[in-house]
Amino acid sequence: MQKDINVFISHPTPYNKYQEKFIQLIELELRKYNLNPIYLGKNNWSYKFPLKPIKELMSTCSAAIVIGLERHHSLIGYEKELSKTSNELINKYTSSPWIQIEAGMAYQAGLPLLVLKEDKLHSEGILDPQISDSFVFEFNLIKLQTQLSNDIKDLIISWVNDIKAIK
């Protein structure tokens, strides 16, 4: 029997049924390939040293997935306000800043990184396909409630093959 490979999963805490279901579908898909999802949770988080448990968990992992899910919605806002390059933003959706931190830590640790981004999220940092060092796969959360798309499944297979080639 093949030993499970630990994979760090970075995502905001799901707050609705769509997000919960998507995370469940990702977990099920990973388990098909003997991948064991590892999360930072309430039992291993530290308010004194929030980065330490992430680093410790990642040290047990062979890869990481960053899942950008909506955490915040701004109806109207301004980027670079009061400057010549000020930009009005309408309906800006963003994820948790922790996924950016965890993605950076996974990158520094040399872990193969898979980046999944809810399509309505503002592209910035690791979630910006123009500047990210990783391929950023965009998905429609509402359409993926019963099963993952073949595109996501194929992407996961490709990523799994990379992990197992390194292992």
Protein backbone atom coordinates (compact mmCIF):
# COMPACT_ATOMS: atom_id res chain seq x y z
CA MET A 1 0.00 0.00 0.00
CA GLN A 2 1.28 3.44 -0.96
CA LYS A 3 1.92 5.88 1.88
CA ASP A 4 -0.14 9.08 1.85
CA ILE A 5 1.65 12.28 0.89
CA ASN A 6 0.86 15.34 3.02
CA VAL A 7 -0.30 18.41 1.12
CA PHE A 8 -0.77 21.80 2.79
CA ILE A 9 -4.11 23.41 1.90
CA SER A 10 -4.35 27.19 2.24
CA HIS A 11 -7.83 28.71 2.09
CA PRO A 12 -9.98 31.08 4.11
CA THR A 13 -12.32 29.45 6.60
CA PRO A 14 -15.43 28.62 4.53
CA TYR A 15 -18.45 30.64 5.60
CA ASN A 16 -21.15 29.37 3.24
CA LYS A 17 -22.34 26.05 1.82
CA TYR A 18 -20.80 26.68 -1.61
CA GLN A 19 -17.33 27.17 -0.19
CA GLU A 20 -17.70 24.19 2.15
CA LYS A 21 -18.80 21.92 -0.69
CA PHE A 22 -15.96 23.02 -2.97
CA ILE A 23 -13.36 22.31 -0.27
CA GLN A 24 -14.95 18.87 0.28
CA LEU A 25 -14.74 18.11 -3.45
CA ILE A 26 -11.07 19.14 -3.53
CA GLU A 27 -10.32 16.93 -0.50
CA LEU A 28 -12.06 13.94 -2.11
CA GLU A 29 -10.11 14.42 -5.32
CA LEU A 30 -6.81 14.63 -3.46
CA ARG A 31 -7.53 11.47 -1.48
CA LYS A 32 -7.96 9.56 -4.76
CA TYR A 33 -4.23 10.08 -5.30
CA ASN A 34 -3.17 9.20 -1.75
CA LEU A 35 -2.74 12.84 -0.83
CA ASN A 36 -3.50 13.82 2.76
CA PRO A 37 -4.85 17.39 3.14
CA ILE A 38 -3.15 19.29 6.00
CA TYR A 39 -4.68 22.52 7.34
CA LEU A 40 -3.92 25.12 9.93
CA GLY A 41 -6.83 24.82 12.33
CA LYS A 42 -8.00 25.85 15.77
CA ASN A 43 -6.05 23.02 17.39
CA ASN A 44 -2.67 24.03 16.00
CA TRP A 45 -2.89 27.82 15.73
CA SER A 46 -0.98 30.18 18.01
CA TYR A 47 -1.97 33.78 18.66
CA LYS A 48 1.56 34.53 19.90
CA PHE A 49 3.41 33.11 16.89
CA PRO A 50 0.93 32.64 14.03
CA LEU A 51 3.60 31.79 11.43
CA LYS A 52 5.35 29.11 13.49
CA PRO A 53 2.59 26.45 13.26
CA ILE A 54 2.25 27.09 9.52
CA LYS A 55 5.97 26.52 9.05
CA GLU A 56 5.84 23.37 11.20
CA LEU A 57 2.89 21.94 9.26
CA MET A 58 4.45 22.79 5.90
CA SER A 59 7.64 21.01 6.91
CA THR A 60 5.62 17.76 6.91
CA CYS A 61 4.20 18.42 3.43
CA SER A 62 5.43 17.65 -0.08
CA ALA A 63 3.25 20.22 -1.87
CA ALA A 64 0.70 22.99 -1.29
CA ILE A 65 -2.59 24.20 -2.73
CA VAL A 66 -3.75 27.79 -2.42
CA ILE A 67 -7.51 28.20 -2.83
CA GLY A 68 -8.68 31.78 -3.20
CA LEU A 69 -12.26 32.03 -1.96
CA GLU A 70 -14.20 35.21 -1.25
CA ARG A 71 -13.79 36.61 2.22
CA HIS A 72 -14.58 40.29 1.65
CA HIS A 73 -16.77 42.27 -0.76
CA SER A 74 -16.34 46.02 -1.18
CA LEU A 75 -19.23 47.63 -3.00
CA ILE A 76 -17.11 50.66 -3.88
CA GLY A 77 -13.54 51.58 -3.09
CA TYR A 78 -10.51 53.41 -4.39
CA GLU A 79 -7.06 52.15 -5.22
CA LYS A 80 -4.25 54.69 -4.77
CA GLU A 81 -6.75 57.30 -3.64
CA LEU A 82 -5.74 60.95 -4.04
CA SER A 83 -3.06 60.13 -6.60
CA LYS A 84 -2.83 60.70 -10.34
CA THR A 85 -3.32 56.97 -10.85
CA SER A 86 -6.34 56.67 -8.53
CA ASN A 87 -8.74 53.98 -9.63
CA GLU A 88 -12.35 53.45 -8.58
CA LEU A 89 -13.17 49.82 -7.82
CA ILE A 90 -16.76 48.63 -7.95
CA ASN A 91 -17.71 45.25 -6.43
CA LYS A 92 -14.19 44.24 -5.45
CA TYR A 93 -14.03 40.73 -4.00
CA THR A 94 -10.94 39.64 -2.09
CA SER A 95 -9.78 36.57 -0.22
CA SER A 96 -7.98 36.24 3.10
CA PRO A 97 -4.51 37.81 3.32
CA TRP A 98 -3.37 34.57 4.95
CA ILE A 99 -3.44 32.73 1.63
CA GLN A 100 -0.85 35.20 0.33
CA ILE A 101 1.37 34.60 3.37
CA GLU A 102 0.98 30.82 3.21
CA ALA A 103 1.63 30.79 -0.54
CA GLY A 104 4.85 32.73 0.02
CA MET A 105 5.91 30.32 2.74
CA ALA A 106 5.18 27.31 0.51
CA TYR A 107 7.15 28.91 -2.32
CA GLN A 108 10.10 29.58 0.00
CA ALA A 109 9.95 25.95 1.17
CA GLY A 110 10.19 24.82 -2.48
CA LEU A 111 6.83 23.05 -2.43
CA PRO A 112 5.07 22.43 -5.77
CA LEU A 113 2.23 24.95 -5.69
CA LEU A 114 -1.26 24.65 -7.16
CA VAL A 115 -3.25 27.91 -7.22
CA LEU A 116 -7.05 27.89 -7.59
CA LYS A 117 -8.92 31.21 -7.66
CA GLU A 118 -12.62 31.91 -7.49
CA ASP A 119 -13.29 33.82 -10.72
CA LYS A 120 -14.85 36.90 -9.11
CA LEU A 121 -11.83 37.64 -6.90
CA HIS A 122 -9.65 40.67 -7.56
CA SER A 123 -6.37 39.54 -9.11
CA GLU A 124 -3.49 40.48 -6.83
CA GLY A 125 -0.41 38.80 -5.41
CA ILE A 126 -0.40 35.03 -5.86
CA LEU A 127 -3.90 35.27 -7.39
CA ASP A 128 -2.77 37.53 -10.24
CA PRO A 129 -2.06 35.43 -13.34
CA GLN A 130 -0.01 38.29 -14.80
CA ILE A 131 2.59 38.28 -12.02
CA SER A 132 2.21 34.97 -10.18
CA ASP A 133 5.06 32.51 -10.53
CA SER A 134 2.43 29.75 -10.64
CA PHE A 135 -0.37 29.02 -13.09
CA VAL A 136 -3.58 30.49 -11.62
CA PHE A 137 -6.68 28.43 -12.43
CA GLU A 138 -9.94 30.37 -12.17
CA PHE A 139 -13.21 28.63 -11.35
CA ASN A 140 -16.88 29.49 -10.84
CA LEU A 141 -17.74 28.37 -7.32
CA ILE A 142 -21.50 28.06 -7.88
CA LYS A 143 -21.06 25.73 -10.89
CA LEU A 144 -18.87 23.29 -8.93
CA GLN A 145 -21.23 22.01 -6.27
CA THR A 146 -21.74 18.40 -7.33
CA GLN A 147 -18.40 17.63 -8.94
CA LEU A 148 -15.17 19.25 -10.00
CA SER A 149 -14.78 20.20 -13.65
CA ASN A 150 -12.62 18.01 -15.87
CA ASP A 151 -10.24 20.97 -16.22
CA ILE A 152 -9.63 21.07 -12.46
CA LYS A 153 -9.30 17.29 -12.30
CA ASP A 154 -6.75 17.33 -15.14
CA LEU A 155 -4.82 20.12 -13.45
CA ILE A 156 -4.74 18.15 -10.19
CA ILE A 157 -3.48 15.05 -12.04
CA SER A 158 -0.68 17.06 -13.64
CA TRP A 159 0.25 18.57 -10.26
CA VAL A 160 0.14 15.13 -8.57
CA ASN A 161 2.49 13.76 -11.23
CA ASP A 162 4.92 16.59 -10.48
CA ILE A 163 4.75 15.84 -6.75
CA LYS A 164 5.33 12.12 -7.24
CA ALA A 165 8.21 12.76 -9.66
CA ILE A 166 9.93 14.83 -6.96
CA LYS A 167 9.16 12.35 -4.18
